[in-house]
Amino acid sequence: MKTKNYFTGIFASMILFISACSSPAPAPVPEAIDMDAVKTEIQAMEDAYAAAEKMKDAAGVAAYYSADAISYTRNREPMVGKEAIKNGIAERIAKDTTGNTNVYKVVDLFIDGNIAVEIGSWQEMDSTGQEVDRGHYMSYFSKHDGKYLCDRDMSVSAMPEKK
């Protein structure tokens, strides 16, 4: 009887030991995100977007977007895919004879892993520096080959509707 209890005790101890050793490894600690660095990177993308618009460079503007991006812009149906976005931008800037320029500013930024969501403001100014329009936008970014690209964006005007 003592032998049976002895082996039962050893067997139970082995089961507990094996269970403890086979516990899942703790989840990896997420890498710390340098919010200032990401904000600087996103703002540089916004500045490059504005510079390309000013130069009437549709391909330069479209460099902001991923291949399967969707852009929800004012006064038109969504543009689906980088090529459609580039064509829509080319059409818009070809028709523009105002000489107006835009400034985009990162207002808030939310980051989770390889995803970033930007809330921004924009301002359109005429050649004398007078404000013509202003509004807000939201851009959803994900990393593609280590670089953020915009997958979705949407903008609205904050100005009263013209009658």
C-alpha atoms as a PDB file:
ATOM      1  CA  MET A   1       0.000   0.000   0.000  1.00  0.00           C
ATOM      2  CA  LYS A   2       2.856   2.363   0.877  1.00  0.00           C
ATOM      3  CA  THR A   3       4.478   1.697  -2.497  1.00  0.00           C
ATOM      4  CA  LYS A   4       1.254   2.523  -4.330  1.00  0.00           C
ATOM      5  CA  ASN A   5       0.875   5.844  -2.455  1.00  0.00           C
ATOM      6  CA  TYR A   6       4.562   6.596  -3.038  1.00  0.00           C
ATOM      7  CA  PHE A   7       4.236   6.107  -6.827  1.00  0.00           C
ATOM      8  CA  THR A   8       0.952   8.049  -6.884  1.00  0.00           C
ATOM      9  CA  GLY A   9       2.693  10.953  -5.159  1.00  0.00           C
ATOM     10  CA  ILE A  10       5.623  10.854  -7.607  1.00  0.00           C
ATOM     11  CA  PHE A  11       3.237  10.587 -10.550  1.00  0.00           C
ATOM     12  CA  ALA A  12       1.167  13.569  -9.309  1.00  0.00           C
ATOM     13  CA  SER A  13       4.344  15.605  -8.773  1.00  0.00           C
ATOM     14  CA  MET A  14       5.533  14.822 -12.303  1.00  0.00           C
ATOM     15  CA  ILE A  15       2.159  15.914 -13.753  1.00  0.00           C
ATOM     16  CA  LEU A  16       2.337  19.228 -11.859  1.00  0.00           C
ATOM     17  CA  PHE A  17       5.958  19.753 -12.952  1.00  0.00           C
ATOM     18  CA  ILE A  18       5.168  19.017 -16.611  1.00  0.00           C
ATOM     19  CA  SER A  19       2.117  21.285 -16.461  1.00  0.00           C
ATOM     20  CA  ALA A  20       4.168  24.116 -15.013  1.00  0.00           C
ATOM     21  CA  CYS A  21       6.895  23.675 -17.622  1.00  0.00           C
ATOM     22  CA  SER A  22       4.479  23.567 -20.527  1.00  0.00           C
ATOM     23  CA  SER A  23       2.640  26.780 -19.622  1.00  0.00           C
ATOM     24  CA  PRO A  24       2.478  29.209 -22.509  1.00  0.00           C
ATOM     25  CA  ALA A  25       5.240  31.765 -22.627  1.00  0.00           C
ATOM     26  CA  PRO A  26       4.247  35.240 -21.492  1.00  0.00           C
ATOM     27  CA  ALA A  27       3.083  37.556 -24.260  1.00  0.00           C
ATOM     28  CA  PRO A  28       5.888  39.685 -25.705  1.00  0.00           C
ATOM     29  CA  VAL A  29       6.016  43.236 -24.426  1.00  0.00           C
ATOM     30  CA  PRO A  30       5.040  45.602 -27.247  1.00  0.00           C
ATOM     31  CA  GLU A  31       7.809  47.795 -28.527  1.00  0.00           C
ATOM     32  CA  ALA A  32       7.573  51.364 -27.215  1.00  0.00           C
ATOM     33  CA  ILE A  33       6.330  53.797 -29.849  1.00  0.00           C
ATOM     34  CA  ASP A  34       8.048  57.147 -30.212  1.00  0.00           C
ATOM     35  CA  MET A  35       4.944  59.320 -30.695  1.00  0.00           C
ATOM     36  CA  ASP A  36       6.992  62.416 -31.564  1.00  0.00           C
ATOM     37  CA  ALA A  37       8.895  60.555 -34.283  1.00  0.00           C
ATOM     38  CA  VAL A  38       5.691  59.167 -35.816  1.00  0.00           C
ATOM     39  CA  LYS A  39       4.026  62.591 -35.649  1.00  0.00           C
ATOM     40  CA  THR A  40       7.056  64.102 -37.411  1.00  0.00           C
ATOM     41  CA  GLU A  41       6.905  61.362 -40.074  1.00  0.00           C
ATOM     42  CA  ILE A  42       3.172  61.864 -40.696  1.00  0.00           C
ATOM     43  CA  GLN A  43       3.530  65.676 -40.773  1.00  0.00           C
ATOM     44  CA  ALA A  44       6.341  65.312 -43.333  1.00  0.00           C
ATOM     45  CA  MET A  45       3.952  63.231 -45.472  1.00  0.00           C
ATOM     46  CA  GLU A  46       1.296  65.964 -45.186  1.00  0.00           C
ATOM     47  CA  ASP A  47       3.860  68.614 -46.159  1.00  0.00           C
ATOM     48  CA  ALA A  48       4.965  66.537 -49.177  1.00  0.00           C
ATOM     49  CA  TYR A  49       1.291  66.110 -50.180  1.00  0.00           C
ATOM     50  CA  ALA A  50       0.773  69.901 -50.069  1.00  0.00           C
ATOM     51  CA  ALA A  51       4.006  70.563 -51.982  1.00  0.00           C
ATOM     52  CA  ALA A  52       3.017  68.075 -54.694  1.00  0.00           C
ATOM     53  CA  GLU A  53      -0.430  69.707 -54.976  1.00  0.00           C
ATOM     54  CA  LYS A  54       1.219  73.108 -55.379  1.00  0.00           C
ATOM     55  CA  MET A  55       3.480  71.695 -58.123  1.00  0.00           C
ATOM     56  CA  LYS A  56       0.423  70.045 -59.778  1.00  0.00           C
ATOM     57  CA  ASP A  57       2.168  66.686 -59.422  1.00  0.00           C
ATOM     58  CA  ALA A  58      -0.612  64.082 -59.124  1.00  0.00           C
ATOM     59  CA  ALA A  59       1.872  61.193 -58.810  1.00  0.00           C
ATOM     60  CA  GLY A  60       3.607  63.052 -55.973  1.00  0.00           C
ATOM     61  CA  VAL A  61       0.289  63.494 -54.161  1.00  0.00           C
ATOM     62  CA  ALA A  62      -0.649  59.848 -54.780  1.00  0.00           C
ATOM     63  CA  ALA A  63       2.642  58.721 -53.177  1.00  0.00           C
ATOM     64  CA  TYR A  64       0.826  59.350 -49.863  1.00  0.00           C
ATOM     65  CA  TYR A  65      -1.522  56.402 -50.525  1.00  0.00           C
ATOM     66  CA  SER A  66      -1.250  52.616 -50.419  1.00  0.00           C
ATOM     67  CA  ALA A  67      -2.157  50.555 -53.507  1.00  0.00           C
ATOM     68  CA  ASP A  68      -5.646  49.704 -52.234  1.00  0.00           C
ATOM     69  CA  ALA A  69      -6.435  53.037 -50.558  1.00  0.00           C
ATOM     70  CA  ILE A  70      -9.853  54.660 -50.625  1.00  0.00           C
ATOM     71  CA  SER A  71     -10.199  58.426 -50.483  1.00  0.00           C
ATOM     72  CA  TYR A  72     -13.487  59.944 -49.390  1.00  0.00           C
ATOM     73  CA  THR A  73     -13.278  63.534 -50.502  1.00  0.00           C
ATOM     74  CA  ARG A  74     -15.650  66.460 -50.748  1.00  0.00           C
ATOM     75  CA  ASN A  75     -18.254  66.701 -53.481  1.00  0.00           C
ATOM     76  CA  ARG A  76     -17.655  63.335 -55.163  1.00  0.00           C
ATOM     77  CA  GLU A  77     -17.926  59.589 -54.771  1.00  0.00           C
ATOM     78  CA  PRO A  78     -15.023  57.777 -53.076  1.00  0.00           C
ATOM     79  CA  MET A  79     -11.950  57.107 -55.183  1.00  0.00           C
ATOM     80  CA  VAL A  80     -10.909  53.451 -54.853  1.00  0.00           C
ATOM     81  CA  GLY A  81      -7.292  52.407 -55.413  1.00  0.00           C
ATOM     82  CA  LYS A  82      -4.119  54.455 -55.753  1.00  0.00           C
ATOM     83  CA  GLU A  83      -4.489  54.757 -59.534  1.00  0.00           C
ATOM     84  CA  ALA A  84      -8.055  56.111 -59.256  1.00  0.00           C
ATOM     85  CA  ILE A  85      -6.924  58.531 -56.553  1.00  0.00           C
ATOM     86  CA  LYS A  86      -4.031  59.702 -58.732  1.00  0.00           C
ATOM     87  CA  ASN A  87      -6.386  60.200 -61.700  1.00  0.00           C
ATOM     88  CA  GLY A  88      -8.904  62.084 -59.542  1.00  0.00           C
ATOM     89  CA  ILE A  89      -6.171  64.353 -58.214  1.00  0.00           C
ATOM     90  CA  ALA A  90      -4.784  64.914 -61.735  1.00  0.00           C
ATOM     91  CA  GLU A  91      -8.264  65.883 -62.930  1.00  0.00           C
ATOM     92  CA  ARG A  92      -8.784  68.268 -59.994  1.00  0.00           C
ATOM     93  CA  ILE A  93      -5.425  70.008 -60.257  1.00  0.00           C
ATOM     94  CA  ALA A  94      -5.654  70.293 -64.059  1.00  0.00           C
ATOM     95  CA  LYS A  95      -8.908  72.241 -63.657  1.00  0.00           C
ATOM     96  CA  ASP A  96      -7.550  74.456 -60.886  1.00  0.00           C
ATOM     97  CA  THR A  97      -6.629  77.913 -62.139  1.00  0.00           C
ATOM     98  CA  THR A  98      -6.925  79.687 -58.773  1.00  0.00           C
ATOM     99  CA  GLY A  99      -3.339  79.326 -57.619  1.00  0.00           C
ATOM    100  CA  ASN A 100      -4.648  78.456 -54.165  1.00  0.00           C
ATOM    101  CA  THR A 101      -2.484  76.367 -51.853  1.00  0.00           C
ATOM    102  CA  ASN A 102      -3.244  74.052 -48.966  1.00  0.00           C
ATOM    103  CA  VAL A 103      -1.613  73.517 -45.601  1.00  0.00           C
ATOM    104  CA  TYR A 104      -2.216  70.302 -43.641  1.00  0.00           C
ATOM    105  CA  LYS A 105      -1.505  70.013 -39.924  1.00  0.00           C
ATOM    106  CA  VAL A 106      -1.480  66.960 -37.672  1.00  0.00           C
ATOM    107  CA  VAL A 107      -3.760  67.753 -34.730  1.00  0.00           C
ATOM    108  CA  ASP A 108      -4.017  64.379 -33.014  1.00  0.00           C
ATOM    109  CA  LEU A 109      -2.488  60.980 -33.584  1.00  0.00           C
ATOM    110  CA  PHE A 110      -3.453  57.535 -32.316  1.00  0.00           C
ATOM    111  CA  ILE A 111      -1.088  54.597 -32.783  1.00  0.00           C
ATOM    112  CA  ASP A 112      -1.512  50.889 -32.148  1.00  0.00           C
ATOM    113  CA  GLY A 113       1.255  48.663 -33.458  1.00  0.00           C
ATOM    114  CA  ASN A 114       1.590  49.255 -37.217  1.00  0.00           C
ATOM    115  CA  ILE A 115      -1.619  51.304 -37.441  1.00  0.00           C
ATOM    116  CA  ALA A 116      -1.859  55.075 -37.045  1.00  0.00           C
ATOM    117  CA  VAL A 117      -4.936  57.286 -37.221  1.00  0.00           C
ATOM    118  CA  GLU A 118      -4.405  60.980 -37.768  1.00  0.00           C
ATOM    119  CA  ILE A 119      -6.900  63.752 -37.103  1.00  0.00           C
ATOM    120  CA  GLY A 120      -5.811  66.871 -38.919  1.00  0.00           C
ATOM    121  CA  SER A 121      -6.826  70.312 -40.031  1.00  0.00           C
ATOM    122  CA  TRP A 122      -6.407  71.883 -43.437  1.00  0.00           C
ATOM    123  CA  GLN A 123      -6.508  75.420 -44.696  1.00  0.00           C
ATOM    124  CA  GLU A 124      -6.769  76.621 -48.291  1.00  0.00           C
ATOM    125  CA  MET A 125      -5.313  80.050 -49.047  1.00  0.00           C
ATOM    126  CA  ASP A 126      -5.333  82.217 -52.123  1.00  0.00           C
ATOM    127  CA  SER A 127      -2.196  83.743 -53.659  1.00  0.00           C
ATOM    128  CA  THR A 128      -2.359  86.699 -51.243  1.00  0.00           C
ATOM    129  CA  GLY A 129      -2.458  84.439 -48.198  1.00  0.00           C
ATOM    130  CA  GLN A 130      -6.152  84.988 -47.481  1.00  0.00           C
ATOM    131  CA  GLU A 131      -8.089  81.987 -46.242  1.00  0.00           C
ATOM    132  CA  VAL A 132     -10.516  80.612 -48.821  1.00  0.00           C
ATOM    133  CA  ASP A 133     -11.612  77.452 -47.036  1.00  0.00           C
ATOM    134  CA  ARG A 134     -10.669  75.348 -44.039  1.00  0.00           C
ATOM    135  CA  GLY A 135     -11.663  72.056 -42.538  1.00  0.00           C
ATOM    136  CA  HIS A 136     -10.701  68.784 -40.957  1.00  0.00           C
ATOM    137  CA  TYR A 137      -9.584  65.383 -42.136  1.00  0.00           C
ATOM    138  CA  MET A 138      -8.956  61.909 -40.834  1.00  0.00           C
ATOM    139  CA  SER A 139      -6.364  59.558 -42.290  1.00  0.00           C
ATOM    140  CA  TYR A 140      -5.878  55.889 -41.460  1.00  0.00           C
ATOM    141  CA  PHE A 141      -2.324  54.635 -42.043  1.00  0.00           C
ATOM    142  CA  SER A 142      -0.679  51.237 -41.897  1.00  0.00           C
ATOM    143  CA  LYS A 143       2.940  50.315 -42.380  1.00  0.00           C
ATOM    144  CA  HIS A 144       3.941  48.936 -45.765  1.00  0.00           C
ATOM    145  CA  ASP A 145       7.568  47.780 -45.904  1.00  0.00           C
ATOM    146  CA  GLY A 146       8.340  49.802 -42.761  1.00  0.00           C
ATOM    147  CA  LYS A 147       6.772  53.044 -44.029  1.00  0.00           C
ATOM    148  CA  TYR A 148       3.368  54.484 -43.210  1.00  0.00           C
ATOM    149  CA  LEU A 149       1.002  54.848 -46.157  1.00  0.00           C
ATOM    150  CA  CYS A 150      -2.555  56.115 -46.110  1.00  0.00           C
ATOM    151  CA  ASP A 151      -5.171  53.397 -46.548  1.00  0.00           C
ATOM    152  CA  ARG A 152      -8.259  55.574 -46.002  1.00  0.00           C
ATOM    153  CA  ASP A 153      -8.846  59.280 -45.722  1.00  0.00           C
ATOM    154  CA  MET A 154     -11.775  61.628 -45.500  1.00  0.00           C
ATOM    155  CA  SER A 155     -12.057  65.400 -45.308  1.00  0.00           C
ATOM    156  CA  VAL A 156     -14.772  67.953 -44.660  1.00  0.00           C
ATOM    157  CA  SER A 157     -14.994  71.719 -44.857  1.00  0.00           C
ATOM    158  CA  ALA A 158     -15.692  73.673 -41.695  1.00  0.00           C
ATOM    159  CA  MET A 159     -16.873  76.733 -43.634  1.00  0.00           C
ATOM    160  CA  PRO A 160     -20.561  77.545 -43.907  1.00  0.00           C
ATOM    161  CA  GLU A 161     -22.156  76.225 -47.061  1.00  0.00           C
ATOM    162  CA  LYS A 162     -22.246  78.805 -49.871  1.00  0.00           C
ATOM    163  CA  LYS A 163     -25.735  79.479 -51.169  1.00  0.00           C
END
